[in-house]
PDB file of N, CA and C in Angstrom:
ATOM      1  N   MET A   1      84.092 100.926  85.649  1.00  0.00           N
ATOM      2  CA  MET A   1      84.649 101.176  86.788  1.00  0.00           C
ATOM      3  C   MET A   1      86.080 101.965  86.292  1.00  0.00           C
ATOM      4  N   LYS A   2      86.492 102.874  87.131  1.00  0.00           N
ATOM      5  CA  LYS A   2      87.571 103.559  86.556  1.00  0.00           C
ATOM      6  C   LYS A   2      88.939 103.053  87.164  1.00  0.00           C
ATOM      7  N   THR A   3      89.914 103.214  86.193  1.00  0.00           N
ATOM      8  CA  THR A   3      90.978 102.505  86.466  1.00  0.00           C
ATOM      9  C   THR A   3      91.592 102.348  87.879  1.00  0.00           C
ATOM     10  N   LYS A   4      91.293 103.576  88.651  1.00  0.00           N
ATOM     11  CA  LYS A   4      92.051 103.568  89.948  1.00  0.00           C
ATOM     12  C   LYS A   4      90.997 102.641  90.910  1.00  0.00           C
ATOM     13  N   ASP A   5      89.830 102.457  90.673  1.00  0.00           N
ATOM     14  CA  ASP A   5      89.109 101.539  91.378  1.00  0.00           C
ATOM     15  C   ASP A   5      89.316 100.174  91.218  1.00  0.00           C
ATOM     16  N   LYS A   6      89.674  99.970  89.781  1.00  0.00           N
ATOM     17  CA  LYS A   6      90.095  98.599  89.443  1.00  0.00           C
ATOM     18  C   LYS A   6      91.488  98.169  90.242  1.00  0.00           C
ATOM     19  N   ILE A   7      92.425  98.990  90.352  1.00  0.00           N
ATOM     20  CA  ILE A   7      93.650  98.945  91.035  1.00  0.00           C
ATOM     21  C   ILE A   7      93.320  98.402  92.428  1.00  0.00           C
ATOM     22  N   ILE A   8      92.514  99.238  92.968  1.00  0.00           N
ATOM     23  CA  ILE A   8      92.239  99.037  94.393  1.00  0.00           C
ATOM     24  C   ILE A   8      91.536  97.554  94.495  1.00  0.00           C
ATOM     25  N   SER A   9      90.640  97.351  93.566  1.00  0.00           N
ATOM     26  CA  SER A   9      89.804  96.061  93.560  1.00  0.00           C
ATOM     27  C   SER A   9      90.865  94.823  93.361  1.00  0.00           C
ATOM     28  N   THR A  10      91.715  95.094  92.454  1.00  0.00           N
ATOM     29  CA  THR A  10      92.886  93.816  92.150  1.00  0.00           C
ATOM     30  C   THR A  10      93.667  93.837  93.345  1.00  0.00           C
ATOM     31  N   ALA A  11      94.104  95.061  93.790  1.00  0.00           N
ATOM     32  CA  ALA A  11      95.006  94.882  94.908  1.00  0.00           C
ATOM     33  C   ALA A  11      94.327  94.314  96.239  1.00  0.00           C
ATOM     34  N   ILE A  12      93.138  94.626  96.589  1.00  0.00           N
ATOM     35  CA  ILE A  12      92.547  93.821  97.527  1.00  0.00           C
ATOM     36  C   ILE A  12      92.421  92.155  97.249  1.00  0.00           C
ATOM     37  N   LYS A  13      92.082  91.893  96.137  1.00  0.00           N
ATOM     38  CA  LYS A  13      92.119  90.475  95.808  1.00  0.00           C
ATOM     39  C   LYS A  13      93.501  89.903  95.934  1.00  0.00           C
ATOM     40  N   LEU A  14      94.506  90.286  95.380  1.00  0.00           N
ATOM     41  CA  LEU A  14      95.651  89.831  95.455  1.00  0.00           C
ATOM     42  C   LEU A  14      96.326  89.674  96.960  1.00  0.00           C
ATOM     43  N   PHE A  15      96.050  90.731  97.632  1.00  0.00           N
ATOM     44  CA  PHE A  15      96.553  90.951  99.168  1.00  0.00           C
ATOM     45  C   PHE A  15      95.896  89.864  99.976  1.00  0.00           C
ATOM     46  N   ASN A  16      94.658  89.586  99.543  1.00  0.00           N
ATOM     47  CA  ASN A  16      93.958  88.890 100.390  1.00  0.00           C
ATOM     48  C   ASN A  16      94.381  87.232 100.151  1.00  0.00           C
ATOM     49  N   LEU A  17      94.808  87.064  98.823  1.00  0.00           N
ATOM     50  CA  LEU A  17      95.189  85.875  98.481  1.00  0.00           C
ATOM     51  C   LEU A  17      96.706  85.336  98.933  1.00  0.00           C
ATOM     52  N   LYS A  18      97.530  86.284  98.896  1.00  0.00           N
ATOM     53  CA  LYS A  18      98.919  86.058  99.142  1.00  0.00           C
ATOM     54  C   LYS A  18      99.720  86.931 100.078  1.00  0.00           C
ATOM     55  N   GLY A  19      99.013  88.031 100.701  1.00  0.00           N
ATOM     56  CA  GLY A  19      99.532  88.959 101.539  1.00  0.00           C
ATOM     57  C   GLY A  19     100.284  90.278 100.842  1.00  0.00           C
ATOM     58  N   THR A  20     100.419  91.177 101.602  1.00  0.00           N
ATOM     59  CA  THR A  20     100.954  92.412 101.126  1.00  0.00           C
ATOM     60  C   THR A  20     102.656  92.190 100.875  1.00  0.00           C
ATOM     61  N   LYS A  21     103.229  91.459 101.641  1.00  0.00           N
ATOM     62  CA  LYS A  21     104.580  91.419 101.280  1.00  0.00           C
ATOM     63  C   LYS A  21     104.715  90.631  99.980  1.00  0.00           C
ATOM     64  N   ALA A  22     104.106  89.773  99.741  1.00  0.00           N
ATOM     65  CA  ALA A  22     104.305  88.792  98.454  1.00  0.00           C
ATOM     66  C   ALA A  22     103.780  89.441  97.113  1.00  0.00           C
ATOM     67  N   ILE A  23     103.068  90.617  97.214  1.00  0.00           N
ATOM     68  CA  ILE A  23     102.604  91.195  96.099  1.00  0.00           C
ATOM     69  C   ILE A  23     103.172  92.676  96.065  1.00  0.00           C
ATOM     70  N   SER A  24     103.606  93.034  94.699  1.00  0.00           N
ATOM     71  CA  SER A  24     104.350  94.335  94.444  1.00  0.00           C
ATOM     72  C   SER A  24     103.293  95.082  93.353  1.00  0.00           C
ATOM     73  N   THR A  25     103.650  96.226  93.292  1.00  0.00           N
ATOM     74  CA  THR A  25     102.789  96.922  92.387  1.00  0.00           C
ATOM     75  C   THR A  25     102.989  96.407  90.812  1.00  0.00           C
ATOM     76  N   ASN A  26     104.025  95.565  90.515  1.00  0.00           N
ATOM     77  CA  ASN A  26     104.236  95.069  89.352  1.00  0.00           C
ATOM     78  C   ASN A  26     103.343  93.906  89.261  1.00  0.00           C
ATOM     79  N   HIS A  27     103.020  93.092  90.213  1.00  0.00           N
ATOM     80  CA  HIS A  27     102.108  92.045  90.211  1.00  0.00           C
ATOM     81  C   HIS A  27     100.723  92.624  89.931  1.00  0.00           C
ATOM     82  N   ILE A  28     100.278  93.723  90.622  1.00  0.00           N
ATOM     83  CA  ILE A  28      98.916  94.173  90.484  1.00  0.00           C
ATOM     84  C   ILE A  28      98.888  94.552  88.857  1.00  0.00           C
ATOM     85  N   ALA A  29      99.817  95.323  88.653  1.00  0.00           N
ATOM     86  CA  ALA A  29      99.603  95.832  87.185  1.00  0.00           C
ATOM     87  C   ALA A  29      99.631  94.612  86.240  1.00  0.00           C
ATOM     88  N   LYS A  30     100.396  93.632  86.340  1.00  0.00           N
ATOM     89  CA  LYS A  30     100.336  92.539  85.371  1.00  0.00           C
ATOM     90  C   LYS A  30      98.957  91.796  85.537  1.00  0.00           C
ATOM     91  N   GLU A  31      98.392  91.571  86.783  1.00  0.00           N
ATOM     92  CA  GLU A  31      97.084  90.897  86.978  1.00  0.00           C
ATOM     93  C   GLU A  31      96.109  91.731  86.287  1.00  0.00           C
ATOM     94  N   MET A  32      96.131  93.162  86.123  1.00  0.00           N
ATOM     95  CA  MET A  32      95.275  93.905  85.487  1.00  0.00           C
ATOM     96  C   MET A  32      95.399  94.093  84.173  1.00  0.00           C
ATOM     97  N   GLY A  33      96.765  93.634  83.594  1.00  0.00           N
ATOM     98  CA  GLY A  33      97.063  93.920  82.252  1.00  0.00           C
ATOM     99  C   GLY A  33      97.312  95.316  81.957  1.00  0.00           C
ATOM    100  N   ILE A  34      97.837  96.227  82.755  1.00  0.00           N
ATOM    101  CA  ILE A  34      98.355  97.536  82.457  1.00  0.00           C
ATOM    102  C   ILE A  34      99.959  97.520  82.729  1.00  0.00           C
ATOM    103  N   SER A  35     100.329  98.674  82.237  1.00  0.00           N
ATOM    104  CA  SER A  35     101.613  98.847  82.545  1.00  0.00           C
ATOM    105  C   SER A  35     101.821  99.466  83.959  1.00  0.00           C
ATOM    106  N   SER A  36     102.947  99.335  84.540  1.00  0.00           N
ATOM    107  CA  SER A  36     103.460  99.611  85.804  1.00  0.00           C
ATOM    108  C   SER A  36     103.390 101.507  85.833  1.00  0.00           C
ATOM    109  N   GLY A  37     103.652 101.921  84.707  1.00  0.00           N
ATOM    110  CA  GLY A  37     103.555 103.540  84.458  1.00  0.00           C
ATOM    111  C   GLY A  37     102.098 103.953  84.877  1.00  0.00           C
ATOM    112  N   ASN A  38     101.258 103.108  84.181  1.00  0.00           N
ATOM    113  CA  ASN A  38      99.750 103.568  84.271  1.00  0.00           C
ATOM    114  C   ASN A  38      99.397 103.322  85.886  1.00  0.00           C
ATOM    115  N   LEU A  39      99.747 102.239  86.288  1.00  0.00           N
ATOM    116  CA  LEU A  39      99.497 102.154  87.850  1.00  0.00           C
ATOM    117  C   LEU A  39     100.055 103.390  88.579  1.00  0.00           C
ATOM    118  N   TYR A  40     101.297 103.577  88.364  1.00  0.00           N
ATOM    119  CA  TYR A  40     101.929 104.930  89.159  1.00  0.00           C
ATOM    120  C   TYR A  40     101.453 106.117  88.811  1.00  0.00           C
ATOM    121  N   TYR A  41     100.718 106.169  87.623  1.00  0.00           N
ATOM    122  CA  TYR A  41      99.915 107.461  87.424  1.00  0.00           C
ATOM    123  C   TYR A  41      98.863 107.633  88.494  1.00  0.00           C
ATOM    124  N   HIS A  42      98.365 106.559  89.028  1.00  0.00           N
ATOM    125  CA  HIS A  42      97.219 106.712  89.987  1.00  0.00           C
ATOM    126  C   HIS A  42      97.575 106.549  91.385  1.00  0.00           C
ATOM    127  N   PHE A  43      98.775 105.771  91.753  1.00  0.00           N
ATOM    128  CA  PHE A  43      99.388 105.648  92.980  1.00  0.00           C
ATOM    129  C   PHE A  43     100.794 105.706  92.901  1.00  0.00           C
ATOM    130  N   ARG A  44     101.399 106.520  93.920  1.00  0.00           N
ATOM    131  CA  ARG A  44     102.851 106.677  94.051  1.00  0.00           C
ATOM    132  C   ARG A  44     103.539 105.262  94.510  1.00  0.00           C
ATOM    133  N   SER A  45     102.854 104.432  95.123  1.00  0.00           N
ATOM    134  CA  SER A  45     103.521 103.327  95.636  1.00  0.00           C
ATOM    135  C   SER A  45     102.420 102.147  96.201  1.00  0.00           C
ATOM    136  N   LYS A  46     102.989 100.982  96.645  1.00  0.00           N
ATOM    137  CA  LYS A  46     102.146 100.063  97.258  1.00  0.00           C
ATOM    138  C   LYS A  46     101.675 100.624  98.623  1.00  0.00           C
ATOM    139  N   ASN A  47     102.229 101.303  99.183  1.00  0.00           N
ATOM    140  CA  ASN A  47     101.850 101.992 100.483  1.00  0.00           C
ATOM    141  C   ASN A  47     100.576 102.886 100.346  1.00  0.00           C
ATOM    142  N   ASP A  48     100.880 103.563  99.059  1.00  0.00           N
ATOM    143  CA  ASP A  48      99.666 104.547  98.798  1.00  0.00           C
ATOM    144  C   ASP A  48      98.371 103.727  98.533  1.00  0.00           C
ATOM    145  N   ILE A  49      98.671 102.654  97.806  1.00  0.00           N
ATOM    146  CA  ILE A  49      97.426 101.697  97.426  1.00  0.00           C
ATOM    147  C   ILE A  49      96.984 101.103  98.797  1.00  0.00           C
ATOM    148  N   ILE A  50      97.651 100.851  99.621  1.00  0.00           N
ATOM    149  CA  ILE A  50      97.240 100.065 100.866  1.00  0.00           C
ATOM    150  C   ILE A  50      96.489 101.227 101.787  1.00  0.00           C
ATOM    151  N   ARG A  51      96.924 102.539 101.690  1.00  0.00           N
ATOM    152  CA  ARG A  51      96.380 103.555 102.521  1.00  0.00           C
ATOM    153  C   ARG A  51      94.983 103.676 101.847  1.00  0.00           C
ATOM    154  N   SER A  52      94.805 103.692 100.621  1.00  0.00           N
ATOM    155  CA  SER A  52      93.572 103.894  99.802  1.00  0.00           C
ATOM    156  C   SER A  52      92.630 102.719 100.142  1.00  0.00           C
ATOM    157  N   ILE A  53      93.076 101.646 100.217  1.00  0.00           N
ATOM    158  CA  ILE A  53      92.133 100.613 100.696  1.00  0.00           C
ATOM    159  C   ILE A  53      91.803 100.682 102.147  1.00  0.00           C
ATOM    160  N   SER A  54      92.648 100.970 102.972  1.00  0.00           N
ATOM    161  CA  SER A  54      92.352 101.289 104.356  1.00  0.00           C
ATOM    162  C   SER A  54      91.108 102.276 104.535  1.00  0.00           C
ATOM    163  N   ASN A  55      91.360 103.397 103.719  1.00  0.00           N
ATOM    164  CA  ASN A  55      90.065 104.530 103.792  1.00  0.00           C
ATOM    165  C   ASN A  55      88.811 103.895 103.201  1.00  0.00           C
ATOM    166  N   LYS A  56      89.021 103.102 102.395  1.00  0.00           N
ATOM    167  CA  LYS A  56      87.806 102.450 101.525  1.00  0.00           C
ATOM    168  C   LYS A  56      87.139 101.533 102.675  1.00  0.00           C
ATOM    169  N   PHE A  57      87.882 100.644 103.376  1.00  0.00           N
ATOM    170  CA  PHE A  57      87.515 100.027 104.334  1.00  0.00           C
ATOM    171  C   PHE A  57      86.831 100.802 105.544  1.00  0.00           C
ATOM    172  N   SER A  58      87.461 101.833 105.916  1.00  0.00           N
ATOM    173  CA  SER A  58      86.986 102.476 107.053  1.00  0.00           C
ATOM    174  C   SER A  58      85.615 103.418 106.673  1.00  0.00           C
ATOM    175  N   SER A  59      85.319 103.793 105.258  1.00  0.00           N
ATOM    176  CA  SER A  59      84.256 104.280 105.007  1.00  0.00           C
ATOM    177  C   SER A  59      83.130 103.363 104.778  1.00  0.00           C
ATOM    178  N   GLU A  60      83.280 102.170 104.412  1.00  0.00           N
ATOM    179  CA  GLU A  60      82.425 101.102 104.593  1.00  0.00           C
ATOM    180  C   GLU A  60      81.716 100.695 105.711  1.00  0.00           C
ATOM    181  N   LEU A  61      82.901 100.621 106.914  1.00  0.00           N
ATOM    182  CA  LEU A  61      82.437 100.311 108.204  1.00  0.00           C
ATOM    183  C   LEU A  61      81.683 101.688 108.776  1.00  0.00           C
ATOM    184  N   GLU A  62      81.988 102.836 108.580  1.00  0.00           N
ATOM    185  CA  GLU A  62      81.384 103.700 109.093  1.00  0.00           C
ATOM    186  C   GLU A  62      79.966 103.863 108.486  1.00  0.00           C
ATOM    187  N   SER A  63      79.658 103.628 107.195  1.00  0.00           N
ATOM    188  CA  SER A  63      78.395 103.582 106.802  1.00  0.00           C
ATOM    189  C   SER A  63      77.453 102.545 107.203  1.00  0.00           C
ATOM    190  N   VAL A  64      78.168 101.300 107.447  1.00  0.00           N
ATOM    191  CA  VAL A  64      77.262 100.141 108.175  1.00  0.00           C
ATOM    192  C   VAL A  64      76.940 100.662 109.389  1.00  0.00           C
ATOM    193  N   PHE A  65      77.763 101.250 110.301  1.00  0.00           N
ATOM    194  CA  PHE A  65      77.480 101.573 111.886  1.00  0.00           C
ATOM    195  C   PHE A  65      76.372 102.777 111.732  1.00  0.00           C
ATOM    196  N   LYS A  66      76.696 103.672 110.831  1.00  0.00           N
ATOM    197  CA  LYS A  66      75.721 104.703 110.837  1.00  0.00           C
ATOM    198  C   LYS A  66      74.509 104.353 110.637  1.00  0.00           C
ATOM    199  N   ILE A  67      74.295 103.576 109.582  1.00  0.00           N
ATOM    200  CA  ILE A  67      72.899 103.078 109.040  1.00  0.00           C
ATOM    201  C   ILE A  67      72.200 102.471 110.370  1.00  0.00           C
ATOM    202  N   GLN A  68      72.829 101.485 110.986  1.00  0.00           N
ATOM    203  CA  GLN A  68      72.319 100.755 111.924  1.00  0.00           C
ATOM    204  C   GLN A  68      71.881 101.633 113.162  1.00  0.00           C
ATOM    205  N   LEU A  69      72.703 102.478 113.325  1.00  0.00           N
ATOM    206  CA  LEU A  69      72.718 103.311 114.784  1.00  0.00           C
ATOM    207  C   LEU A  69      71.608 104.586 114.562  1.00  0.00           C
ATOM    208  N   ASP A  70      71.500 104.710 113.335  1.00  0.00           N
ATOM    209  CA  ASP A  70      70.471 105.837 112.907  1.00  0.00           C
ATOM    210  C   ASP A  70      69.058 105.321 113.153  1.00  0.00           C
ATOM    211  N   ASN A  71      68.785 103.936 113.063  1.00  0.00           N
ATOM    212  CA  ASN A  71      67.591 103.325 113.227  1.00  0.00           C
ATOM    213  C   ASN A  71      67.458 102.432 114.436  1.00  0.00           C
ATOM    214  N   ILE A  72      67.807 102.944 115.412  1.00  0.00           N
ATOM    215  CA  ILE A  72      67.765 102.302 116.736  1.00  0.00           C
ATOM    216  C   ILE A  72      66.523 101.842 117.243  1.00  0.00           C
ATOM    217  N   SER A  73      65.332 101.928 116.540  1.00  0.00           N
ATOM    218  CA  SER A  73      64.154 101.500 117.390  1.00  0.00           C
ATOM    219  C   SER A  73      64.149  99.945 117.460  1.00  0.00           C
ATOM    220  N   ASP A  74      64.638  99.205 116.444  1.00  0.00           N
ATOM    221  CA  ASP A  74      64.698  97.610 116.669  1.00  0.00           C
ATOM    222  C   ASP A  74      66.156  97.344 116.909  1.00  0.00           C
ATOM    223  N   PHE A  75      66.582  97.536 117.954  1.00  0.00           N
ATOM    224  CA  PHE A  75      67.966  97.266 118.383  1.00  0.00           C
ATOM    225  C   PHE A  75      68.415  95.875 118.038  1.00  0.00           C
ATOM    226  N   SER A  76      67.719  94.874 118.497  1.00  0.00           N
ATOM    227  CA  SER A  76      68.139  93.592 118.358  1.00  0.00           C
ATOM    228  C   SER A  76      68.400  93.007 116.956  1.00  0.00           C
ATOM    229  N   ASN A  77      67.483  93.427 116.006  1.00  0.00           N
ATOM    230  CA  ASN A  77      67.661  93.277 114.631  1.00  0.00           C
ATOM    231  C   ASN A  77      68.749  94.026 114.047  1.00  0.00           C
ATOM    232  N   ASN A  78      68.736  95.361 114.556  1.00  0.00           N
ATOM    233  CA  ASN A  78      69.822  96.089 113.743  1.00  0.00           C
ATOM    234  C   ASN A  78      71.334  95.463 114.283  1.00  0.00           C
ATOM    235  N   LEU A  79      71.339  95.230 115.604  1.00  0.00           N
ATOM    236  CA  LEU A  79      72.764  94.822 115.840  1.00  0.00           C
ATOM    237  C   LEU A  79      73.157  93.572 115.101  1.00  0.00           C
ATOM    238  N   THR A  80      72.062  92.507 114.987  1.00  0.00           N
ATOM    239  CA  THR A  80      72.436  91.459 114.096  1.00  0.00           C
ATOM    240  C   THR A  80      73.000  91.744 112.731  1.00  0.00           C
ATOM    241  N   SER A  81      71.928  92.580 112.135  1.00  0.00           N
ATOM    242  CA  SER A  81      72.332  93.294 110.891  1.00  0.00           C
ATOM    243  C   SER A  81      73.717  93.880 110.714  1.00  0.00           C
ATOM    244  N   MET A  82      74.095  94.647 111.789  1.00  0.00           N
ATOM    245  CA  MET A  82      75.345  95.412 111.858  1.00  0.00           C
ATOM    246  C   MET A  82      76.330  94.231 111.750  1.00  0.00           C
ATOM    247  N   PHE A  83      76.350  93.321 112.614  1.00  0.00           N
ATOM    248  CA  PHE A  83      77.515  92.354 112.671  1.00  0.00           C
ATOM    249  C   PHE A  83      77.490  91.416 111.407  1.00  0.00           C
ATOM    250  N   ASN A  84      76.319  91.226 110.756  1.00  0.00           N
ATOM    251  CA  ASN A  84      76.476  90.459 109.553  1.00  0.00           C
ATOM    252  C   ASN A  84      77.204  91.535 108.408  1.00  0.00           C
ATOM    253  N   HIS A  85      76.785  92.775 108.442  1.00  0.00           N
ATOM    254  CA  HIS A  85      77.604  93.660 107.320  1.00  0.00           C
ATOM    255  C   HIS A  85      79.137  93.589 107.848  1.00  0.00           C
ATOM    256  N   PHE A  86      79.348  93.701 109.082  1.00  0.00           N
ATOM    257  CA  PHE A  86      80.859  93.863 109.495  1.00  0.00           C
ATOM    258  C   PHE A  86      81.490  92.649 109.140  1.00  0.00           C
ATOM    259  N   PHE A  87      80.949  91.366 109.188  1.00  0.00           N
ATOM    260  CA  PHE A  87      81.819  89.926 108.874  1.00  0.00           C
ATOM    261  C   PHE A  87      81.860  90.137 107.540  1.00  0.00           C
ATOM    262  N   LYS A  88      80.922  90.685 106.519  1.00  0.00           N
ATOM    263  CA  LYS A  88      81.022  90.685 105.179  1.00  0.00           C
ATOM    264  C   LYS A  88      82.192  91.454 104.742  1.00  0.00           C
ATOM    265  N   ILE A  89      82.201  92.669 105.377  1.00  0.00           N
ATOM    266  CA  ILE A  89      83.153  93.559 105.091  1.00  0.00           C
ATOM    267  C   ILE A  89      84.637  92.822 105.706  1.00  0.00           C
ATOM    268  N   GLN A  90      84.603  92.236 106.581  1.00  0.00           N
ATOM    269  CA  GLN A  90      85.835  91.760 107.288  1.00  0.00           C
ATOM    270  C   GLN A  90      86.412  90.736 106.205  1.00  0.00           C
ATOM    271  N   GLN A  91      85.572  89.951 105.628  1.00  0.00           N
ATOM    272  CA  GLN A  91      86.038  88.929 104.822  1.00  0.00           C
ATOM    273  C   GLN A  91      86.664  89.611 103.497  1.00  0.00           C
ATOM    274  N   SER A  92      85.996  90.744 103.138  1.00  0.00           N
ATOM    275  CA  SER A  92      86.441  91.306 101.912  1.00  0.00           C
ATOM    276  C   SER A  92      88.033  91.927 101.923  1.00  0.00           C
ATOM    277  N   TYR A  93      88.369  92.162 103.299  1.00  0.00           N
ATOM    278  CA  TYR A  93      89.469  92.925 103.661  1.00  0.00           C
ATOM    279  C   TYR A  93      90.427  92.187 104.619  1.00  0.00           C
ATOM    280  N   GLN A  94      90.327  90.710 104.374  1.00  0.00           N
ATOM    281  CA  GLN A  94      90.932  89.829 105.244  1.00  0.00           C
ATOM    282  C   GLN A  94      92.576  90.218 105.712  1.00  0.00           C
ATOM    283  N   PHE A  95      93.241  90.793 104.585  1.00  0.00           N
ATOM    284  CA  PHE A  95      94.644  90.883 104.716  1.00  0.00           C
ATOM    285  C   PHE A  95      94.707  92.126 105.696  1.00  0.00           C
ATOM    286  N   LEU A  96      93.995  93.173 105.845  1.00  0.00           N
ATOM    287  CA  LEU A  96      94.040  94.173 106.800  1.00  0.00           C
ATOM    288  C   LEU A  96      93.856  93.569 108.150  1.00  0.00           C
ATOM    289  N   PHE A  97      92.891  92.449 108.446  1.00  0.00           N
ATOM    290  CA  PHE A  97      92.801  92.076 109.702  1.00  0.00           C
ATOM    291  C   PHE A  97      94.170  90.972 110.056  1.00  0.00           C
ATOM    292  N   LEU A  98      94.724  90.316 108.982  1.00  0.00           N
ATOM    293  CA  LEU A  98      95.876  89.385 109.227  1.00  0.00           C
ATOM    294  C   LEU A  98      97.083  90.387 109.411  1.00  0.00           C
ATOM    295  N   GLU A  99      97.223  91.325 108.907  1.00  0.00           N
ATOM    296  CA  GLU A  99      98.529  91.954 108.798  1.00  0.00           C
ATOM    297  C   GLU A  99      98.488  93.525 109.358  1.00  0.00           C
ATOM    298  N   GLY A 100      97.319  93.898 109.824  1.00  0.00           N
ATOM    299  CA  GLY A 100      97.160  95.319 110.382  1.00  0.00           C
ATOM    300  C   GLY A 100      98.243  95.923 111.331  1.00  0.00           C
ATOM    301  N   VAL A 101      98.722  95.009 111.872  1.00  0.00           N
ATOM    302  CA  VAL A 101      99.652  95.421 112.943  1.00  0.00           C
ATOM    303  C   VAL A 101     101.070  95.761 112.080  1.00  0.00           C
ATOM    304  N   HIS A 102     101.456  94.950 111.137  1.00  0.00           N
ATOM    305  CA  HIS A 102     102.614  95.285 110.318  1.00  0.00           C
ATOM    306  C   HIS A 102     102.500  96.188 109.425  1.00  0.00           C
ATOM    307  N   LEU A 103     101.108  96.710 108.956  1.00  0.00           N
ATOM    308  CA  LEU A 103     100.875  97.652 107.868  1.00  0.00           C
ATOM    309  C   LEU A 103     100.899  99.066 108.673  1.00  0.00           C
TER     310      LEU A 103
END
C-alpha cells in the first residue's frame, strides 16, 4: 500500500475513533510512525486529507449504486444488496456521517 493510501486509512481509523477535531496531522503521522514532513509531502493539511477521504467515500458509494442499478433484473435482491453495501461503507466512514455538517 502506498504511503498516501496508508495516511488516508490511518486518518479514517483515527477520525472514526476520536473525531476530526481531536485528531491532528501530527497524531496521524505518529500513529503511522512517519514524520510530519512525510505526511505533508502527500497532503497540505488535515482538510486536504478529509477532502481525499470524502472523495474516496463518494467513489465507493457510486460504484455500489452503479453495480446494483446496472443489474436491475432482480430489483428486490439488488436493493437489499445495495443497502447492505451502503451500511458497510457507512460504518467505515462513521465520522463523515457524525460530523458532515461541520466538515
